[in-house]
Protein backbone atom coordinates (compact mmCIF):
# COMPACT_ATOMS: atom_id res chain seq x y z
CA UNK A 1 79.80 118.77 123.80
CA UNK A 2 82.27 116.20 122.43
CA UNK A 3 85.50 117.30 120.61
CA UNK A 4 84.77 115.43 118.10
CA UNK A 5 82.00 117.80 116.78
CA UNK A 6 83.64 121.22 117.15
CA UNK A 7 84.42 121.36 113.83
CA UNK A 8 86.30 125.01 114.60
CA UNK A 9 88.79 122.74 116.41
CA UNK A 10 89.10 120.69 113.09
CA UNK A 11 89.88 123.47 110.83
CA UNK A 12 92.34 125.23 113.34
CA UNK A 13 94.28 121.56 113.29
CA UNK A 14 93.79 120.69 109.76
CA UNK A 15 94.44 124.04 108.32
CA UNK A 16 95.57 124.55 104.89
CA UNK A 17 95.63 120.24 104.39
CA UNK A 18 91.98 121.05 103.77
CA UNK A 19 93.34 121.45 100.14
CA UNK A 20 93.24 117.99 97.97
CA UNK A 21 95.51 120.10 95.87
CA UNK A 22 98.06 121.28 99.02
CA UNK A 23 98.13 117.43 99.67
CA UNK A 24 99.40 116.17 96.93
CA UNK A 25 101.86 118.97 96.61
CA UNK A 26 103.16 118.22 100.10
CA UNK A 27 103.02 114.28 99.27
CA UNK A 28 105.14 115.16 95.90
CA UNK A 29 107.41 117.19 97.47
CA UNK A 30 108.30 114.31 100.73
CA UNK A 31 108.26 111.19 97.77
CA UNK A 32 110.83 113.14 95.68
CA UNK A 33 112.91 113.79 98.34
CA UNK A 34 115.46 111.15 98.29
CA UNK A 35 116.01 112.74 94.13
CA UNK A 36 115.77 116.84 95.03
CA UNK A 37 118.25 119.25 93.31
CA UNK A 38 119.20 115.75 90.74
CA UNK A 39 117.93 115.18 87.21
CA UNK A 40 116.13 112.37 87.09
CA UNK A 41 113.77 112.96 84.37
CA UNK A 42 111.88 109.67 84.88
CA UNK A 43 110.15 110.53 88.34
CA UNK A 44 106.45 110.76 86.52
CA UNK A 45 106.46 107.10 85.78
CA UNK A 46 104.85 106.32 89.39
CA UNK A 47 102.78 109.67 89.69
CA UNK A 48 99.17 110.28 90.23
CA UNK A 49 97.15 112.23 87.97
CA UNK A 50 96.57 115.23 90.42
CA UNK A 51 100.11 115.65 90.83
CA UNK A 52 100.77 113.46 94.06
CA UNK A 53 102.21 109.94 95.15
CA UNK A 54 101.08 106.99 96.42
CA UNK A 55 104.20 106.15 98.35
CA UNK A 56 105.83 108.23 100.43
CA UNK A 57 109.17 105.83 100.97
CA UNK A 58 107.57 103.07 102.74
CA UNK A 59 104.13 104.78 103.29
CA UNK A 60 101.33 103.58 101.09
CA UNK A 61 98.90 106.06 100.85
CA UNK A 62 99.60 109.38 102.67
CA UNK A 63 96.92 111.96 104.07
CA UNK A 64 94.33 108.79 104.03
CA UNK A 65 91.98 109.59 106.16
CA UNK A 66 91.81 113.05 105.06
CA UNK A 67 91.05 111.34 101.46
CA UNK A 68 88.53 109.14 102.47
CA UNK A 69 86.47 112.18 104.71
CA UNK A 70 87.36 114.60 101.47
CA UNK A 71 84.99 112.32 99.35
CA UNK A 72 82.58 110.87 101.82
CA UNK A 73 82.00 114.84 103.26
CA UNK A 74 81.91 116.81 99.54
CA UNK A 75 81.64 114.40 96.83
CA UNK A 76 83.45 113.69 93.96
CA UNK A 77 84.70 117.56 93.66
CA UNK A 78 86.70 117.20 96.31
CA UNK A 79 87.48 113.01 96.54
CA UNK A 80 89.55 113.18 93.34
CA UNK A 81 91.92 111.97 95.74
CA UNK A 82 90.31 109.10 96.69
CA UNK A 83 89.65 107.42 93.83
CA UNK A 84 93.27 107.99 92.00
CA UNK A 85 94.45 105.70 94.43
CA UNK A 86 94.69 101.86 92.66
CA UNK A 87 96.66 100.24 90.27
CA UNK A 88 99.25 102.54 89.82
CA UNK A 89 100.61 102.28 93.21
CA UNK A 90 100.20 98.52 93.03
CA UNK A 91 102.65 98.63 90.25
CA UNK A 92 104.91 100.87 91.94
CA UNK A 93 104.81 98.45 95.20
CA UNK A 94 106.25 95.82 93.34
CA UNK A 95 108.76 98.07 91.24
CA UNK A 96 109.49 100.22 93.84
CA UNK A 97 111.97 103.98 93.08
CA UNK A 98 113.31 103.08 96.13
CA UNK A 99 116.59 101.52 97.12
CA UNK A 100 117.49 101.15 100.97
CA UNK A 101 119.95 104.34 101.29
CA UNK A 102 117.23 106.36 100.34
CA UNK A 103 114.33 104.37 101.70
CA UNK A 104 115.55 104.32 105.18
CA UNK A 105 116.09 107.93 105.64
CA UNK A 106 112.10 108.32 105.53
CA UNK A 107 112.01 106.60 108.80
CA UNK A 108 113.45 108.71 112.05
CA UNK A 109 115.29 105.59 113.63
CA UNK A 110 117.42 105.12 110.58
CA UNK A 111 117.74 108.71 110.07
CA UNK A 112 121.50 108.73 111.44
CA UNK A 113 122.29 106.60 109.24
CA UNK A 114 120.67 108.28 106.18
CA UNK A 115 121.54 111.84 107.36
CA UNK A 116 124.85 113.44 106.00
CA UNK A 117 124.28 110.81 102.88
CA UNK A 118 124.85 113.12 99.66
CA UNK A 119 120.91 113.06 97.91
CA UNK A 120 119.42 111.39 101.13
CA UNK A 121 115.84 112.51 102.07
CA UNK A 122 116.35 113.96 105.61
CA UNK A 123 115.76 113.21 109.30
CA UNK A 124 112.63 111.37 108.91
CA UNK A 125 110.45 114.44 110.07
CA UNK A 126 108.65 114.68 106.60
CA UNK A 127 106.60 111.14 106.87
CA UNK A 128 106.14 111.70 110.49
CA UNK A 129 104.61 115.01 110.20
CA UNK A 130 102.50 113.22 107.43
CA UNK A 131 101.71 110.36 109.87
CA UNK A 132 100.76 113.04 112.54
CA UNK A 133 98.39 114.87 110.65
CA UNK A 134 96.33 112.05 108.94
CA UNK A 135 93.97 112.00 111.77
CA UNK A 136 93.15 113.69 114.57
CA UNK A 137 90.41 117.05 114.37
CA UNK A 138 89.98 116.32 110.82
CA UNK A 139 88.35 113.22 111.78
CA UNK A 140 85.83 115.56 113.56
CA UNK A 141 82.46 115.60 111.05
CA UNK A 142 80.76 119.31 110.94
CA UNK A 143 78.15 118.40 113.11
CA UNK A 144 78.09 122.18 114.46
CA UNK A 145 77.15 123.26 111.54
CA UNK A 146 74.61 120.32 111.55
CA UNK A 147 73.85 121.43 114.93
CA UNK A 148 73.12 125.14 113.59
CA UNK A 149 71.02 123.82 110.40
CA UNK A 150 69.06 121.87 111.56
CA UNK A 151 66.31 120.92 114.31
CA UNK A 152 67.42 117.60 116.22
CA UNK A 153 66.01 115.64 118.65
CA UNK A 154 67.82 114.34 121.72
CA UNK A 155 68.28 111.05 120.09
CA UNK A 156 69.48 112.62 117.18
CA UNK A 157 72.02 114.35 118.89
CA UNK A 158 73.28 111.85 120.58
CA UNK A 159 73.31 109.53 117.43
CA UNK A 160 75.71 112.52 115.80
CA UNK A 161 78.03 112.28 118.65
CA UNK A 162 78.38 108.56 118.48
CA UNK A 163 79.27 109.07 114.67
CA UNK A 164 81.68 111.76 115.39
CA UNK A 165 83.54 109.67 117.89
CA UNK A 166 83.28 106.97 115.88
CA UNK A 167 84.81 108.78 113.05
CA UNK A 168 88.05 109.92 115.67
CA UNK A 169 88.71 105.74 115.82
CA UNK A 170 88.60 105.17 112.73
CA UNK A 171 91.31 107.82 111.76
CA UNK A 172 93.06 106.69 114.81
CA UNK A 173 92.77 103.12 112.92
CA UNK A 174 94.49 104.08 109.99
CA UNK A 175 97.53 106.05 111.78
CA UNK A 176 98.50 103.22 113.47
CA UNK A 177 99.83 101.91 110.17
CA UNK A 178 102.50 104.06 109.59
CA UNK A 179 105.50 102.39 109.07
CA UNK A 180 108.39 101.96 111.80
CA UNK A 181 110.20 100.19 109.69
CA UNK A 182 111.36 100.19 105.58
CA UNK A 183 110.07 97.58 103.39
CA UNK A 184 113.14 96.65 101.59
CA UNK A 185 111.17 93.57 99.17
CA UNK A 186 108.56 94.00 96.65
CA UNK A 187 106.52 91.32 99.25
CA UNK A 188 107.09 93.21 102.07
CA UNK A 189 105.75 96.38 100.50
CA UNK A 190 102.60 95.00 99.45
CA UNK A 191 101.77 93.50 102.56
CA UNK A 192 102.10 97.20 104.17
CA UNK A 193 100.27 98.17 101.20
CA UNK A 194 97.48 95.13 102.18
CA UNK A 195 97.82 96.42 105.94
CA UNK A 196 97.09 100.04 105.47
CA UNK A 197 94.32 99.17 103.11
CA UNK A 198 92.60 96.73 105.88
CA UNK A 199 93.34 99.57 108.46
CA UNK A 200 91.22 102.10 106.07
CA UNK A 201 88.35 99.27 105.52
CA UNK A 202 87.94 98.32 108.88
CA UNK A 203 87.49 102.38 110.12
CA UNK A 204 84.75 102.47 107.51
CA UNK A 205 83.18 99.33 108.92
CA UNK A 206 83.47 101.23 112.26
CA UNK A 207 82.01 104.60 110.50
CA UNK A 208 78.31 102.79 108.53
CA UNK A 209 77.06 101.68 111.43
CA UNK A 210 76.12 105.15 113.52
CA UNK A 211 76.16 107.14 110.47
CA UNK A 212 73.42 104.71 109.54
CA UNK A 213 72.03 105.05 112.86
CA UNK A 214 72.25 108.92 112.47
CA UNK A 215 70.85 109.60 108.66
CA UNK A 216 68.20 106.39 109.50
CA UNK A 217 66.73 108.41 112.09
CA UNK A 218 66.19 112.19 109.96
CA UNK A 219 63.00 112.55 108.72
CA UNK A 220 62.44 113.24 104.79
CA UNK A 221 63.34 117.67 105.84
CA UNK A 222 65.70 116.89 107.61
CA UNK A 223 67.87 114.97 104.85
CA UNK A 224 66.84 117.57 102.83
CA UNK A 225 67.95 120.33 104.89
CA UNK A 226 71.37 118.18 105.60
CA UNK A 227 72.21 117.80 101.54
CA UNK A 228 71.80 121.76 101.48
CA UNK A 229 73.87 122.08 104.69
CA UNK A 230 76.66 120.18 102.54
CA UNK A 231 75.91 121.97 98.87
CA UNK A 232 75.99 124.82 101.36
CA UNK A 233 79.64 124.00 103.05
CA UNK A 234 81.01 123.08 99.81
CA UNK A 235 80.58 126.03 97.87
CA UNK A 236 82.08 128.29 100.19
CA UNK A 237 85.05 126.03 101.41
CA UNK A 238 87.71 127.85 100.50
CA UNK A 239 89.30 124.66 99.74
CA UNK A 240 90.29 124.13 96.45
CA UNK A 241 89.50 120.32 94.36
CA UNK A 242 92.28 119.29 91.98
CA UNK A 243 91.77 120.35 88.23
CA UNK A 244 91.44 117.14 86.27
CA UNK A 245 88.99 114.10 87.44
CA UNK A 246 90.03 111.34 88.97
CA UNK A 247 92.02 108.57 86.72
CA UNK A 248 91.49 105.75 89.07
CA UNK A 249 95.30 104.64 89.43
CA UNK A 250 95.61 103.99 85.76
CA UNK A 251 97.28 107.07 84.71
CA UNK A 252 100.37 106.94 82.38
CA UNK A 253 99.38 103.40 81.42
CA UNK A 254 101.94 103.27 78.92
CA UNK A 255 105.07 103.60 81.70
CA UNK A 256 102.82 101.11 83.55
CA UNK A 257 103.81 98.52 80.86
CA UNK A 258 105.34 95.23 82.74
CA UNK A 259 108.60 95.51 82.21
CA UNK A 260 109.32 92.31 80.81
CA UNK A 261 112.33 92.77 78.61
CA UNK A 262 114.03 94.41 81.90
CA UNK A 263 112.84 91.12 83.51
CA UNK A 264 114.54 88.82 81.65
CA UNK A 265 118.03 90.99 81.16
CA UNK A 266 118.35 91.51 84.67
CA UNK A 267 117.11 88.25 86.13
CA UNK A 268 117.90 85.76 83.34
CA UNK A 269 114.97 83.48 84.44
CA UNK A 270 114.90 79.91 84.11
CA UNK A 271 111.86 78.01 82.38
CA UNK A 272 110.39 77.47 85.76
CA UNK A 273 110.82 80.79 87.10
CA UNK A 274 109.23 82.29 83.92
CA UNK A 275 106.24 80.30 84.28
CA UNK A 276 105.65 81.84 87.74
CA UNK A 277 106.23 85.03 86.20
CA UNK A 278 103.53 84.79 84.01
CA UNK A 279 101.16 83.70 86.56
CA UNK A 280 102.03 86.97 88.24
CA UNK A 281 101.78 88.98 85.07
CA UNK A 282 98.71 87.75 84.74
CA UNK A 283 97.19 88.15 88.18
CA UNK A 284 98.65 91.94 88.03
CA UNK A 285 97.09 92.69 84.64
CA UNK A 286 93.29 91.25 86.10
CA UNK A 287 93.96 93.34 89.47
CA UNK A 288 94.42 96.69 87.06
CA UNK A 289 91.31 95.40 85.15
CA UNK A 290 89.28 94.59 88.69
CA UNK A 291 90.50 98.14 89.56
CA UNK A 292 89.33 100.31 86.73
CA UNK A 293 86.17 98.76 86.93
CA UNK A 294 85.20 99.46 90.26
CA UNK A 295 86.20 103.06 89.72
CA UNK A 296 82.73 105.24 90.03
CA UNK A 297 83.08 108.09 91.95
CA UNK A 298 80.22 109.72 90.70
CA UNK A 299 77.47 106.69 91.03
CA UNK A 300 76.58 107.41 94.97
CA UNK A 301 74.84 110.75 95.92
CA UNK A 302 73.93 110.86 99.80
CA UNK A 303 76.94 110.35 102.27
CA UNK A 304 75.85 107.11 103.78
CA UNK A 305 75.83 105.95 99.25
CA UNK A 306 79.36 107.85 99.46
CA UNK A 307 80.70 105.42 102.33
CA UNK A 308 79.48 102.65 100.77
CA UNK A 309 81.43 103.24 97.27
CA UNK A 310 84.72 103.58 99.65
CA UNK A 311 83.85 100.32 101.31
CA UNK A 312 83.17 98.89 97.67
CA UNK A 313 86.14 100.94 96.81
CA UNK A 314 88.39 99.55 99.22
CA UNK A 315 87.40 95.97 99.04
CA UNK A 316 88.11 95.40 95.17
CA UNK A 317 91.80 97.32 96.11
CA UNK A 318 92.35 94.80 99.27
CA UNK A 319 91.20 91.74 96.89
CA UNK A 320 93.79 92.98 93.88
CA UNK A 321 96.37 93.28 96.08
CA UNK A 322 96.30 90.10 98.13
CA UNK A 323 95.87 87.77 94.71
CA UNK A 324 99.39 89.88 93.01
CA UNK A 325 100.70 89.44 96.49
CA UNK A 326 99.92 85.55 96.58
CA UNK A 327 101.53 85.26 92.77
CA UNK A 328 104.12 87.58 93.81
CA UNK A 329 105.28 85.43 96.75
CA UNK A 330 105.21 81.78 94.96
CA UNK A 331 107.81 84.17 92.16
CA UNK A 332 110.12 85.42 95.07
CA UNK A 333 110.64 82.72 96.39
CA UNK A 334 111.97 80.77 93.12
CA UNK A 335 114.84 83.46 93.10
CA UNK A 336 118.61 83.50 94.51
CA UNK A 337 119.47 86.21 96.41
CA UNK A 338 121.36 87.72 93.66
CA UNK A 339 118.23 87.38 90.89
CA UNK A 340 115.81 89.53 94.18
CA UNK A 341 118.23 92.13 94.36
CA UNK A 342 118.41 92.91 90.49
CA UNK A 343 114.44 92.46 90.78
CA UNK A 344 114.44 95.20 92.85
CA UNK A 345 116.75 97.25 91.14
CA UNK A 346 114.56 97.46 88.06
CA UNK A 347 111.77 100.48 89.81
CA UNK A 348 115.19 102.29 91.19
CA UNK A 349 116.54 102.80 87.10
CA UNK A 350 113.20 103.43 86.05
CA UNK A 351 113.56 106.66 87.79
CA UNK A 352 117.67 107.17 87.44
């Protein structure tokens, strides 16, 4: 049978990365590598409630396919990481904590420049490892257990294999969005964020038809068996869910307040720029409300329903990013080069 159906291979490949708590720790270590050993008190302003980070250097949503997979198959208890992505990451995309010297060190082609500089994040290896790990055999659905626990017809086994193949292709699609260039401006970062989410949405679109074909082919008894299999696997799995429930990217809302005073002080905007800035602020506030409303991790019960919930959430995220990005592009176009440099420094000052 196709390698995508081999759950043992999946386990060997992913290893400890099946643990969402460990993935959050790895992302946090990589995300804060630029400041390791220094005394920065405010590293938490862009941190997720589960301890992870939405941005690792230029990469948005490390371990994206793992997070999607966990919620789809194992439900809310293991899907906290998926639902933690939201407004906080959009905010951090606008007011990035990284400057060029730290950002470039995450990418292998720029590592030689960054290497040897004090406090720099290393040789780009951490980001490459995250990108390479996010996909591959983890995309293999637990089809060995499905075949062992259920009596499937030849047509159902073929449908299951098509589902597994689509899962592998979806993971590859997401992995292909790992960055090769640093995003040095807020509009560029939101562009990369949009590209990453669009790839995830494309992966879901690829998954849904074969999933519906397989799940729809099951009779009522088989669906009960399928649900029982998922429950048994979930209970016996050594993976740990993160301690807290998902915050939908709205954690630490006080720290995510719009930095109006810093913008005024650094940019000294004209009246026209203030009007454009007000439109951006309104777009960001509306996006935050929309993302909060669309966060419903406990609403879906079955696997197809959870995949549909993933699609709805990613669609809401795409719409939020696009609306904010359009307003940001308009505002950014009014700034001088000096004002742009000052705007980009706001997030970095919060880390300092």
